[in-house]
Amino acid sequence: MRRSLAAVLSAAAACLLVGLAPPASAADGDEGFTIKDPRITESSGLTASRQHPGIYWTHNDQDTGAYLYAVDSRTGETVATVTMTGVGAPRDVEGIAMGPGNQLYVGDIGDNLGGSWDHVWVYKLPEPEELKDQSVRATQYVVKYADGPRDAESILVHPKTGRVYLIDKNEDGGHLYAARDPLSASGTNTFEPVAPIDLWATDAAFSPDGAQFVVRGYLGGIAYDWNDGKPRRLERVSVPLGQGESVSYSADGTKLMLGMEGAGSPVEAQGAPAGAGSDSPSAKGGSGASADSDDGSGLRVEYVVIGAVALGLFGVTRLRKRRS
């Protein structure tokens, strides 16, 4: 068994290292940086500030409080820590996204027990105009899925409409889920599947113009044209090999920023996928019911080895996370 596993890992690494970008430097800003804050050991989401050039918001998936960190990509240093108030104790915070009006959306949507929680939460708060340590009141939304509980790590907010989307994390591929209505803080918000996503998704992000979005996993990614809410696959995206947990477009939309989990974690930069521009009809932000018929066969080989690679490279990290 050991010999077989080693062979699979070696073959996977040999195939998947092709085309990976070199390690990034902390001094390069949107060319890549390293998160230096020793408190940030499980960076699981990333989103670019619109108000503060070069600033990226991140968070731990498990933390001692409801914290968000503003990291300066030019230095890798944390320049502000925000404590969310008005929410309960976070359970498994896996994603963050910037919405219209400089509103931050935080996805407390992870479920390491494979969909055992009957609800999860999304938090919304205004991005602070001043970068300093402070408390900011957030709105908490209760979220359920129309087809039952599931694990998810990806939250997207369309930059034009403000509609919130989630992608469940499934080894065989998941679905893009959309809220039925604008989110309500007074009741349960039901999310319905609207399009298949052919990837074991760990994060996703819309481009700043809303014309496309990218989904990433541990071993690869896919760029989609938004296509009026009927996602159409554009191209594959290379990602750094390892426990890749986050993706964001740069504020100007020219770069993809690909983050990792762990202490002193790097964020690599690469050119954003080519595709529809801001004048495309795909930027309108509708919610469709089907996706392009591309079956994603080019990624299926990665699915065959991803479990073994995850076992060999990540060990039992995910199983050690607290349940609450």
Protein backbone atom coordinates (compact mmCIF):
# COMPACT_ATOMS: atom_id res chain seq x y z
CA MET A 1 0.00 0.00 0.00
CA ARG A 2 2.85 2.38 0.86
CA ARG A 3 4.58 1.68 -2.43
CA SER A 4 1.35 2.19 -4.37
CA LEU A 5 0.62 5.47 -2.59
CA ALA A 6 4.13 6.74 -3.18
CA ALA A 7 3.87 5.92 -6.87
CA VAL A 8 0.59 7.78 -7.19
CA LEU A 9 1.97 10.79 -5.35
CA SER A 10 5.11 10.86 -7.49
CA ALA A 11 3.14 10.62 -10.72
CA ALA A 12 0.68 13.27 -9.60
CA ALA A 13 3.43 15.66 -8.59
CA ALA A 14 5.28 15.14 -11.85
CA CYS A 15 2.16 15.89 -13.89
CA LEU A 16 0.85 18.76 -11.83
CA LEU A 17 4.06 20.68 -11.25
CA VAL A 18 4.13 21.55 -14.94
CA GLY A 19 3.14 25.15 -15.42
CA LEU A 20 3.14 26.13 -11.75
CA ALA A 21 4.31 29.65 -11.02
CA PRO A 22 7.49 30.26 -9.02
CA PRO A 23 7.24 31.31 -5.37
CA ALA A 24 6.15 34.91 -4.87
CA SER A 25 7.96 37.67 -3.01
CA ALA A 26 6.39 39.59 -0.15
CA ALA A 27 7.66 42.87 -1.56
CA ASP A 28 5.88 42.58 -4.88
CA GLY A 29 2.33 43.43 -3.74
CA ASP A 30 -0.08 42.32 -6.45
CA GLU A 31 2.84 40.34 -7.87
CA GLY A 32 2.53 38.09 -4.82
CA PHE A 33 3.27 38.29 -1.11
CA THR A 34 3.63 36.27 2.08
CA ILE A 35 1.26 36.67 5.04
CA LYS A 36 3.51 37.43 8.01
CA ASP A 37 1.03 37.73 10.88
CA PRO A 38 1.66 34.77 13.24
CA ARG A 39 -2.03 34.80 14.18
CA ILE A 40 -3.01 33.88 10.62
CA THR A 41 -2.28 30.17 10.44
CA GLU A 42 -5.30 28.97 8.45
CA SER A 43 -5.97 31.64 5.83
CA SER A 44 -9.04 30.25 4.11
CA GLY A 45 -10.41 33.20 2.16
CA LEU A 46 -9.09 36.25 0.36
CA THR A 47 -10.64 39.32 -1.22
CA ALA A 48 -9.22 42.58 -2.54
CA SER A 49 -10.21 45.90 -1.00
CA ARG A 50 -11.78 48.46 -3.32
CA GLN A 51 -11.15 51.41 -0.99
CA HIS A 52 -7.61 50.66 0.10
CA PRO A 53 -5.18 49.90 -2.77
CA GLY A 54 -3.02 46.85 -2.19
CA ILE A 55 -5.02 45.61 0.81
CA TYR A 56 -6.43 42.07 0.97
CA TRP A 57 -8.87 40.83 3.60
CA THR A 58 -8.41 37.33 4.99
CA HIS A 59 -9.39 35.22 8.01
CA ASN A 60 -8.68 31.93 9.72
CA ASP A 61 -11.17 29.14 9.31
CA GLN A 62 -10.86 28.50 13.06
CA ASP A 63 -9.99 31.41 15.33
CA THR A 64 -10.37 32.63 18.90
CA GLY A 65 -12.94 35.20 17.82
CA ALA A 66 -14.84 36.70 14.89
CA TYR A 67 -11.78 38.33 13.32
CA LEU A 68 -10.92 39.66 9.88
CA TYR A 69 -7.41 40.77 8.94
CA ALA A 70 -6.41 43.49 6.48
CA VAL A 71 -3.07 42.52 4.96
CA ASP A 72 -0.91 44.95 2.98
CA SER A 73 0.24 43.06 -0.09
CA ARG A 74 3.31 45.29 -0.41
CA THR A 75 4.72 44.14 2.92
CA GLY A 76 2.70 41.08 3.96
CA GLU A 77 1.95 42.80 7.27
CA THR A 78 -1.46 43.05 8.92
CA VAL A 79 -2.46 46.73 9.07
CA ALA A 80 -5.87 46.31 10.75
CA THR A 81 -7.81 43.68 12.66
CA VAL A 82 -11.60 43.88 12.58
CA THR A 83 -13.70 42.15 15.20
CA MET A 84 -17.20 41.38 13.95
CA THR A 85 -19.91 42.08 16.50
CA GLY A 86 -23.57 41.14 16.28
CA VAL A 87 -22.78 37.53 15.34
CA GLY A 88 -22.49 34.35 17.36
CA ALA A 89 -19.31 32.34 17.76
CA PRO A 90 -18.04 31.47 14.27
CA ARG A 91 -17.93 27.75 13.53
CA ASP A 92 -15.90 27.20 10.33
CA VAL A 93 -15.26 30.40 8.36
CA GLU A 94 -14.16 29.41 4.87
CA GLY A 95 -14.61 32.36 2.52
CA ILE A 96 -14.83 36.11 2.11
CA ALA A 97 -16.00 38.27 -0.80
CA MET A 98 -16.42 41.95 -1.61
CA GLY A 99 -19.87 43.04 -2.72
CA PRO A 100 -21.29 46.28 -4.10
CA GLY A 101 -20.95 49.36 -1.93
CA ASN A 102 -17.77 48.07 -0.28
CA GLN A 103 -19.69 45.48 1.71
CA LEU A 104 -17.74 42.46 2.96
CA TYR A 105 -19.48 39.08 2.97
CA VAL A 106 -18.04 36.33 5.15
CA GLY A 107 -19.00 32.68 4.69
CA ASP A 108 -19.19 30.64 7.90
CA ILE A 109 -20.11 27.75 5.64
CA GLY A 110 -17.63 24.94 6.28
CA ASP A 111 -18.76 21.58 7.59
CA ASN A 112 -15.95 19.08 8.07
CA LEU A 113 -18.44 16.42 9.11
CA GLY A 114 -19.77 16.15 5.56
CA GLY A 115 -22.99 18.10 5.87
CA SER A 116 -24.12 17.37 9.39
CA TRP A 117 -25.19 20.90 10.31
CA ASP A 118 -28.68 21.81 9.19
CA HIS A 119 -27.73 25.47 8.71
CA VAL A 120 -24.69 27.68 8.22
CA TRP A 121 -24.19 31.45 8.31
CA VAL A 122 -23.22 34.36 6.10
CA TYR A 123 -22.12 37.64 7.69
CA LYS A 124 -22.20 41.07 6.02
CA LEU A 125 -20.44 44.19 7.21
CA PRO A 126 -19.21 47.46 5.71
CA GLU A 127 -15.52 47.59 4.91
CA PRO A 128 -14.01 50.18 7.27
CA GLU A 129 -13.06 53.47 5.66
CA GLU A 130 -10.10 53.73 8.03
CA LEU A 131 -7.66 50.89 8.48
CA LYS A 132 -7.19 50.45 12.22
CA ASP A 133 -8.02 47.83 14.82
CA GLN A 134 -11.74 48.18 15.50
CA SER A 135 -15.05 46.44 16.05
CA VAL A 136 -17.64 46.53 13.27
CA ARG A 137 -21.23 45.37 13.61
CA ALA A 138 -22.16 42.68 11.10
CA THR A 139 -25.51 41.30 9.96
CA GLN A 140 -25.86 37.54 10.38
CA TYR A 141 -27.90 35.48 7.90
CA VAL A 142 -29.04 31.90 8.46
CA VAL A 143 -28.50 29.77 5.36
CA LYS A 144 -29.88 26.39 4.34
CA TYR A 145 -29.62 24.46 1.07
CA ALA A 146 -32.72 23.38 -0.82
CA ASP A 147 -31.31 19.87 -1.27
CA GLY A 148 -29.98 19.31 2.24
CA PRO A 149 -26.88 20.12 4.30
CA ARG A 150 -23.45 20.12 2.71
CA ASP A 151 -19.89 21.26 3.17
CA ALA A 152 -18.82 24.43 1.33
CA GLU A 153 -15.79 26.70 1.23
CA SER A 154 -16.64 29.12 -1.58
CA ILE A 155 -18.68 32.32 -1.34
CA LEU A 156 -19.12 34.72 -4.26
CA VAL A 157 -21.01 38.01 -4.44
CA HIS A 158 -21.83 39.44 -7.83
CA PRO A 159 -20.28 42.93 -7.95
CA LYS A 160 -23.21 44.40 -9.92
CA THR A 161 -26.28 42.84 -8.32
CA GLY A 162 -25.01 41.90 -4.87
CA ARG A 163 -26.52 38.44 -5.19
CA VAL A 164 -24.79 35.87 -3.00
CA TYR A 165 -23.63 32.49 -4.32
CA LEU A 166 -22.08 29.45 -2.65
CA ILE A 167 -20.32 26.39 -4.12
CA ASP A 168 -20.36 23.12 -2.22
CA LYS A 169 -17.14 21.15 -1.79
CA ASN A 170 -17.48 17.71 -3.33
CA GLU A 171 -14.69 15.50 -4.66
CA ASP A 172 -16.79 14.57 -7.69
CA GLY A 173 -17.72 18.19 -8.40
CA GLY A 174 -20.37 20.39 -6.84
CA HIS A 175 -22.89 23.06 -7.71
CA LEU A 176 -23.19 26.80 -7.75
CA TYR A 177 -25.99 27.72 -5.34
CA ALA A 178 -27.93 30.99 -5.38
CA ALA A 179 -30.13 32.59 -2.77
CA ARG A 180 -33.80 32.54 -3.77
CA ASP A 181 -34.32 36.13 -2.67
CA PRO A 182 -32.25 38.99 -1.28
CA LEU A 183 -30.82 37.80 2.03
CA SER A 184 -33.04 38.35 5.05
CA ALA A 185 -31.73 38.63 8.60
CA SER A 186 -35.12 37.70 10.07
CA GLY A 187 -35.59 34.22 8.62
CA THR A 188 -33.88 31.32 6.89
CA ASN A 189 -32.33 31.95 3.47
CA THR A 190 -32.65 28.98 1.13
CA PHE A 191 -30.01 28.48 -1.54
CA GLU A 192 -30.84 26.44 -4.64
CA PRO A 193 -28.47 24.75 -7.12
CA VAL A 194 -28.32 26.69 -10.39
CA ALA A 195 -25.30 25.25 -12.25
CA PRO A 196 -22.85 22.34 -11.93
CA ILE A 197 -19.22 23.09 -11.08
CA ASP A 198 -16.78 20.43 -12.22
CA LEU A 199 -14.23 20.85 -9.45
CA TRP A 200 -13.56 19.96 -5.84
CA ALA A 201 -13.89 23.62 -4.90
CA THR A 202 -11.99 25.29 -2.06
CA ASP A 203 -12.74 28.90 -3.08
CA ALA A 204 -14.12 31.07 -5.87
CA ALA A 205 -14.26 34.73 -6.85
CA PHE A 206 -15.96 37.03 -9.35
CA SER A 207 -13.91 39.38 -11.50
CA PRO A 208 -14.46 43.04 -10.50
CA ASP A 209 -16.72 43.62 -13.53
CA GLY A 210 -18.79 40.48 -12.87
CA ALA A 211 -18.11 39.13 -16.35
CA GLN A 212 -16.36 35.98 -15.20
CA PHE A 213 -15.50 33.98 -12.12
CA VAL A 214 -12.82 31.52 -11.12
CA VAL A 215 -13.17 28.39 -9.00
CA ARG A 216 -10.07 26.83 -7.49
CA GLY A 217 -9.27 23.52 -5.84
CA TYR A 218 -6.15 21.89 -4.44
CA LEU A 219 -4.74 20.80 -7.80
CA GLY A 220 -6.40 22.99 -10.40
CA GLY A 221 -8.96 25.62 -11.21
CA ILE A 222 -11.52 26.60 -13.83
CA ALA A 223 -12.40 30.03 -15.20
CA TYR A 224 -16.02 30.59 -16.28
CA ASP A 225 -17.75 33.25 -18.31
CA TRP A 226 -20.71 34.39 -16.21
CA ASN A 227 -22.89 34.34 -19.33
CA ASP A 228 -26.01 35.91 -17.80
CA GLY A 229 -25.95 33.44 -14.91
CA LYS A 230 -25.48 30.37 -17.14
CA PRO A 231 -21.78 29.71 -16.53
CA ARG A 232 -19.75 28.80 -19.61
CA ARG A 233 -16.34 27.27 -19.12
CA LEU A 234 -13.46 29.35 -20.46
CA GLU A 235 -10.18 27.67 -19.52
CA ARG A 236 -8.25 25.78 -16.89
CA VAL A 237 -6.29 27.67 -14.26
CA SER A 238 -3.00 26.51 -12.77
CA VAL A 239 -2.71 26.75 -8.99
CA PRO A 240 0.15 26.27 -6.52
CA LEU A 241 0.45 22.67 -5.32
CA GLY A 242 -0.50 22.26 -1.66
CA GLN A 243 -3.37 23.14 0.64
CA GLY A 244 -4.74 25.88 -1.57
CA GLU A 245 -7.67 27.53 0.19
CA SER A 246 -8.26 30.93 -1.39
CA VAL A 247 -8.52 32.94 -4.60
CA SER A 248 -9.22 36.58 -5.38
CA TYR A 249 -8.94 38.84 -8.36
CA SER A 250 -6.77 41.90 -7.82
CA ALA A 251 -8.77 45.10 -7.48
CA ASP A 252 -8.12 46.03 -11.12
CA GLY A 253 -9.03 42.54 -12.35
CA THR A 254 -5.71 41.90 -14.08
CA LYS A 255 -4.37 39.29 -11.65
CA LEU A 256 -5.48 36.20 -9.82
CA MET A 257 -4.20 35.96 -6.26
CA LEU A 258 -3.93 32.36 -5.06
CA GLY A 259 -3.49 31.78 -1.33
CA MET A 260 -2.44 28.83 0.77
CA GLU A 261 -3.17 27.71 4.31
CA GLY A 262 -0.52 27.56 7.02
CA ALA A 263 1.74 29.84 9.03
CA GLY A 264 3.67 32.29 6.85
CA SER A 265 1.52 31.31 3.89
CA PRO A 266 2.32 32.61 0.40
CA VAL A 267 -0.13 34.28 -1.96
CA GLU A 268 0.92 33.78 -5.57
CA ALA A 269 -0.08 36.05 -8.43
CA GLN A 270 -0.73 35.17 -12.04
CA GLY A 271 -2.42 36.86 -14.96
CA ALA A 272 -6.21 36.73 -14.86
CA PRO A 273 -7.84 34.45 -17.44
CA ALA A 274 -8.78 35.96 -20.77
CA GLY A 275 -12.50 36.22 -21.33
CA ALA A 276 -15.45 38.51 -21.44
CA GLY A 277 -14.88 42.15 -20.57
CA SER A 278 -17.01 44.55 -18.61
CA ASP A 279 -19.11 45.40 -21.68
CA SER A 280 -20.17 41.80 -22.16
CA PRO A 281 -23.81 40.83 -21.46
CA SER A 282 -22.38 38.25 -19.08
CA ALA A 283 -21.75 41.00 -16.54
CA LYS A 284 -25.47 41.57 -15.96
CA GLY A 285 -25.60 39.17 -13.04
CA GLY A 286 -28.70 37.07 -13.66
CA SER A 287 -29.18 33.65 -12.10
CA GLY A 288 -29.51 30.83 -14.61
CA ALA A 289 -30.43 27.19 -14.31
CA SER A 290 -27.84 25.41 -16.44
CA ALA A 291 -24.18 25.41 -17.36
CA ASP A 292 -22.13 24.81 -20.45
CA SER A 293 -22.12 21.17 -21.51
CA ASP A 294 -18.33 20.85 -21.14
CA ASP A 295 -17.86 17.79 -18.96
CA GLY A 296 -14.46 18.91 -17.64
CA SER A 297 -12.78 15.67 -18.60
CA GLY A 298 -9.43 17.42 -18.49
CA LEU A 299 -9.76 17.66 -14.71
CA ARG A 300 -10.93 14.11 -14.09
CA VAL A 301 -7.38 12.77 -13.89
CA GLU A 302 -6.79 15.20 -11.05
CA TYR A 303 -9.80 13.83 -9.20
CA VAL A 304 -8.35 10.33 -9.39
CA VAL A 305 -5.21 11.36 -7.55
CA ILE A 306 -6.44 14.22 -5.43
CA GLY A 307 -7.35 12.08 -2.45
CA ALA A 308 -3.94 10.45 -2.38
CA VAL A 309 -2.16 13.75 -2.82
CA ALA A 310 -4.22 15.34 -0.09
CA LEU A 311 -3.43 12.43 2.21
CA GLY A 312 0.26 12.52 1.47
CA LEU A 313 0.67 16.30 1.60
CA PHE A 314 -1.93 17.47 4.07
CA GLY A 315 -2.09 14.51 6.51
CA VAL A 316 -5.00 14.78 8.85
CA THR A 317 -5.03 18.58 9.15
CA ARG A 318 -8.67 18.89 8.21
CA LEU A 319 -9.74 16.23 10.70
CA ARG A 320 -8.11 18.11 13.57
CA LYS A 321 -10.29 21.18 13.21
CA ARG A 322 -12.65 21.93 16.01
CA ARG A 323 -16.30 21.08 15.44
CA SER A 324 -17.38 24.29 17.03
